[in-house]
Amino acid sequence: MIYGYTRVSTDEQAGGTSLDTQKRQITGVAMAADLSSVIDWLVDAGVSGATDFFLRPAIEALDLRAGDIIICAHIDRFSRDARYCLNAIHELKTRQIALYLNGHGDVTDDSNVSGRLMLEIMAAFAGHERRVTRERCSRGRTAKKANRGHIGGSAPWGARVIGTGRGARVEDKPFRADALAAMAMYRANGLSYRAIAELIERDYDEPTSHMAVSRILHAKK
């Protein structure tokens, strides 16, 4: 069997990365390698490239056998982690399953020395790019949070989200500062988190759980 493997992560889906473009490139690889034009398509949509190849939904559902061929449009569609990438290729070779990458041929073929070298270099760069992207996103979320931007999820206790999309921000409700001071005072006087929550909910008419009180007081330390 010849399988055309396509993948986009959740972020790439949002950015419009095309599965159709990958399919066209894979079809071209099959034609260039004089392989059968009958391709079974595998799609992993919303799956990270750092996930172990054999644990991805489209691959787990397969009964791969010796002689099968997998074609990918690019190394980062196959894997964005150098370790997982090379381990997966070793496993494919052991099981006598070929992996073709666009522009590099069969990278499980030991005679394809230049293709294997380029694969190892590109796998390292793919992993580096993923780490850089993750760090950049983390810095962006941290900076947005520091500027009271909303980074997703529910608003903190005693606050609300204003606006939508990238312009969304978090705004404290008028009573939040006084309520937090009251929580700290009650705790200093020996009250339990549950008792504090009941008093705060009564005094400020804001749904309050003992877990919320605990998180707030621990964050203030």
Protein backbone atom coordinates (compact mmCIF):
# COMPACT_ATOMS: atom_id res chain seq x y z
CA MET A 1 0.00 0.00 0.00
CA ILE A 2 1.06 3.58 -0.65
CA TYR A 3 -0.02 6.10 1.96
CA GLY A 4 0.07 9.87 1.60
CA TYR A 5 0.47 11.34 5.08
CA THR A 6 -0.71 14.92 5.69
CA ARG A 7 -0.75 16.85 8.96
CA VAL A 8 -1.52 20.28 10.34
CA SER A 9 -1.42 21.39 13.97
CA THR A 10 -4.23 23.37 15.58
CA ASP A 11 -2.31 26.65 15.16
CA GLU A 12 -1.55 25.85 11.53
CA GLN A 13 -5.21 25.10 10.87
CA ALA A 14 -6.07 28.54 12.20
CA GLY A 15 -3.40 30.02 9.95
CA GLY A 16 -4.83 28.33 6.88
CA THR A 17 -2.05 25.81 6.18
CA SER A 18 -3.35 23.74 3.28
CA LEU A 19 -3.77 19.98 3.38
CA ASP A 20 -4.56 20.16 -0.34
CA THR A 21 -1.13 21.63 -1.05
CA GLN A 22 0.48 18.71 0.78
CA LYS A 23 -1.59 16.26 -1.27
CA ARG A 24 -0.43 17.84 -4.52
CA GLN A 25 3.21 17.62 -3.44
CA ILE A 26 2.81 13.99 -2.36
CA THR A 27 1.21 13.10 -5.68
CA GLY A 28 4.20 14.68 -7.41
CA VAL A 29 6.63 12.61 -5.31
CA ALA A 30 4.77 9.42 -6.23
CA MET A 31 4.92 10.27 -9.92
CA ALA A 32 8.62 11.20 -9.79
CA ALA A 33 9.48 7.93 -8.01
CA ASP A 34 7.37 5.95 -10.53
CA LEU A 35 5.13 4.67 -7.74
CA SER A 36 1.49 3.69 -8.11
CA SER A 37 -0.90 6.59 -8.61
CA VAL A 38 -3.33 4.93 -6.19
CA ILE A 39 -2.69 6.63 -2.85
CA ASP A 40 -4.53 6.06 0.41
CA TRP A 41 -4.71 9.42 2.15
CA LEU A 42 -3.98 9.80 5.86
CA VAL A 43 -4.94 13.05 7.56
CA ASP A 44 -3.96 14.19 11.05
CA ALA A 45 -5.69 17.55 11.52
CA GLY A 46 -4.98 19.41 14.76
CA VAL A 47 -2.09 17.11 15.71
CA SER A 48 1.25 18.48 16.90
CA GLY A 49 4.38 17.60 14.95
CA ALA A 50 6.08 16.88 18.28
CA THR A 51 3.79 13.89 18.89
CA ASP A 52 5.29 10.43 18.44
CA PHE A 53 4.53 9.45 14.83
CA PHE A 54 3.11 6.03 15.73
CA LEU A 55 0.80 7.52 18.39
CA ARG A 56 -1.02 9.84 15.99
CA PRO A 57 -4.65 8.95 15.24
CA ALA A 58 -4.21 8.37 11.50
CA ILE A 59 -1.21 6.09 12.06
CA GLU A 60 -2.56 4.21 15.07
CA ALA A 61 -5.58 3.17 13.01
CA LEU A 62 -3.37 1.54 10.34
CA ASP A 63 -2.15 -2.01 9.99
CA LEU A 64 1.20 -1.17 8.45
CA ARG A 65 2.99 -4.07 6.81
CA ALA A 66 6.37 -4.78 5.22
CA GLY A 67 6.49 -3.30 1.73
CA ASP A 68 4.17 -0.41 2.51
CA ILE A 69 5.23 3.11 1.52
CA ILE A 70 4.52 6.39 3.30
CA ILE A 71 4.98 9.69 1.49
CA CYS A 72 5.18 13.11 3.20
CA ALA A 73 5.30 16.54 1.64
CA HIS A 74 7.99 17.81 4.05
CA ILE A 75 10.01 16.75 7.07
CA ASP A 76 8.03 19.02 9.40
CA ARG A 77 4.81 17.26 8.32
CA PHE A 78 6.38 13.99 9.45
CA SER A 79 7.92 15.28 12.67
CA ARG A 80 9.05 18.45 14.44
CA ASP A 81 11.12 16.62 17.05
CA ALA A 82 14.53 15.28 15.97
CA ARG A 83 14.51 12.39 18.43
CA TYR A 84 11.02 11.18 17.52
CA CYS A 85 11.79 11.68 13.84
CA LEU A 86 14.90 9.51 13.79
CA ASN A 87 13.37 6.90 16.10
CA ALA A 88 10.31 6.65 13.86
CA ILE A 89 12.46 6.20 10.75
CA HIS A 90 14.47 3.50 12.49
CA GLU A 91 11.21 1.74 13.39
CA LEU A 92 9.96 2.02 9.80
CA LYS A 93 13.21 0.54 8.50
CA THR A 94 12.99 -2.32 11.00
CA ARG A 95 9.46 -3.06 9.78
CA GLN A 96 10.56 -2.72 6.13
CA ILE A 97 8.28 0.24 5.48
CA ALA A 98 9.62 2.96 3.19
CA LEU A 99 9.33 6.69 3.91
CA TYR A 100 9.57 9.13 0.99
CA LEU A 101 10.05 12.83 1.68
CA ASN A 102 9.51 15.46 -0.98
CA GLY A 103 12.90 16.35 -2.47
CA HIS A 104 14.86 13.67 -0.59
CA GLY A 105 13.56 10.36 -1.87
CA ASP A 106 13.36 7.24 0.27
CA VAL A 107 15.07 8.22 3.52
CA THR A 108 14.79 4.66 4.87
CA ASP A 109 17.06 3.45 2.05
CA ASP A 110 20.63 3.08 3.35
CA SER A 111 21.99 3.75 -0.14
CA ASN A 112 20.36 7.21 -0.12
CA VAL A 113 23.25 8.75 1.81
CA SER A 114 22.69 12.40 0.85
CA GLY A 115 18.96 12.12 1.49
CA ARG A 116 19.59 10.71 4.96
CA LEU A 117 22.11 13.45 5.77
CA MET A 118 19.67 16.16 4.74
CA LEU A 119 16.95 14.46 6.76
CA GLU A 120 19.06 14.51 9.94
CA ILE A 121 19.96 18.17 9.45
CA MET A 122 16.38 19.17 8.70
CA ALA A 123 15.04 17.18 11.65
CA ALA A 124 17.34 19.14 13.97
CA PHE A 125 16.19 22.45 12.45
CA ALA A 126 12.52 21.43 12.65
CA GLY A 127 12.92 20.76 16.37
CA HIS A 128 14.73 24.06 16.86
CA GLU A 129 12.01 25.95 14.97
CA ARG A 130 9.31 24.34 17.14
CA ARG A 131 11.12 25.36 20.34
CA VAL A 132 11.63 28.93 19.10
CA THR A 133 7.96 29.19 18.12
CA ARG A 134 6.85 27.83 21.49
CA GLU A 135 9.09 30.31 23.35
CA ARG A 136 7.84 33.22 21.23
CA CYS A 137 4.22 32.28 21.92
CA SER A 138 4.95 31.95 25.62
CA ARG A 139 6.55 35.41 25.72
CA GLY A 140 3.58 36.83 23.85
CA ARG A 141 1.08 35.33 26.28
CA THR A 142 3.10 36.55 29.27
CA ALA A 143 3.35 40.08 27.88
CA LYS A 144 -0.35 40.16 27.04
CA LYS A 145 -1.28 38.94 30.51
CA ALA A 146 0.97 41.57 32.12
CA ASN A 147 -0.85 44.23 30.09
CA ARG A 148 -4.21 42.86 31.24
CA GLY A 149 -4.87 41.23 27.88
CA HIS A 150 -7.12 38.18 27.87
CA ILE A 151 -5.22 35.01 26.94
CA GLY A 152 -8.18 32.66 27.01
CA GLY A 153 -10.27 30.80 29.55
CA SER A 154 -12.40 32.30 32.28
CA ALA A 155 -11.67 35.68 33.79
CA PRO A 156 -10.01 35.70 37.24
CA TRP A 157 -12.33 35.89 40.26
CA GLY A 158 -13.79 39.37 40.62
CA ALA A 159 -12.88 40.38 37.08
CA ARG A 160 -14.52 40.28 33.65
CA VAL A 161 -13.42 40.04 30.03
CA ILE A 162 -14.01 43.15 27.92
CA GLY A 163 -14.06 42.84 24.13
CA THR A 164 -13.37 39.85 21.90
CA GLY A 165 -10.54 38.30 19.92
CA ARG A 166 -7.05 39.74 20.12
CA GLY A 167 -8.37 42.98 21.58
CA ALA A 168 -9.96 41.27 24.58
CA ARG A 169 -8.73 42.46 27.96
CA VAL A 170 -9.37 41.70 31.62
CA GLU A 171 -10.91 44.38 33.80
CA ASP A 172 -11.36 44.20 37.59
CA LYS A 173 -14.88 44.63 38.92
CA PRO A 174 -15.20 47.65 41.26
CA PHE A 175 -15.23 45.56 44.44
CA ARG A 176 -12.27 43.26 43.66
CA ALA A 177 -9.55 45.17 45.54
CA ASP A 178 -11.69 45.51 48.69
CA ALA A 179 -12.75 41.84 48.49
CA LEU A 180 -9.15 40.62 48.21
CA ALA A 181 -8.16 42.72 51.22
CA ALA A 182 -11.09 41.24 53.15
CA MET A 183 -10.01 37.71 52.23
CA ALA A 184 -6.51 38.37 53.56
CA MET A 185 -7.90 39.86 56.78
CA TYR A 186 -10.27 36.92 57.37
CA ARG A 187 -7.47 34.45 56.79
CA ALA A 188 -5.17 36.29 59.19
CA ASN A 189 -7.91 35.93 61.79
CA GLY A 190 -7.89 32.16 61.35
CA LEU A 191 -10.97 31.60 59.21
CA SER A 192 -11.07 28.61 56.86
CA TYR A 193 -11.15 29.07 53.08
CA ARG A 194 -14.72 27.79 53.00
CA ALA A 195 -15.86 30.25 55.69
CA ILE A 196 -14.11 33.10 53.87
CA ALA A 197 -15.81 32.14 50.62
CA GLU A 198 -19.24 32.24 52.26
CA LEU A 199 -18.58 35.68 53.77
CA ILE A 200 -17.22 37.13 50.52
CA GLU A 201 -20.12 35.79 48.49
CA ARG A 202 -22.58 37.25 51.00
CA ASP A 203 -20.90 40.68 51.20
CA TYR A 204 -20.06 41.19 47.52
CA ASP A 205 -22.78 39.12 45.81
CA GLU A 206 -20.16 37.33 43.71
CA PRO A 207 -20.13 33.51 43.36
CA THR A 208 -17.08 32.40 45.35
CA SER A 209 -15.63 28.96 46.05
CA HIS A 210 -13.15 28.00 48.74
CA MET A 211 -10.78 26.93 45.95
CA ALA A 212 -10.92 30.41 44.42
CA VAL A 213 -10.10 31.94 47.81
CA SER A 214 -7.17 29.56 48.25
CA ARG A 215 -5.74 30.36 44.81
CA ILE A 216 -6.06 34.09 45.35
CA LEU A 217 -4.43 34.09 48.80
CA HIS A 218 -1.59 31.82 47.71
CA ALA A 219 -0.95 34.03 44.65
CA LYS A 220 -0.65 37.08 46.94
CA LYS A 221 2.14 35.49 48.97
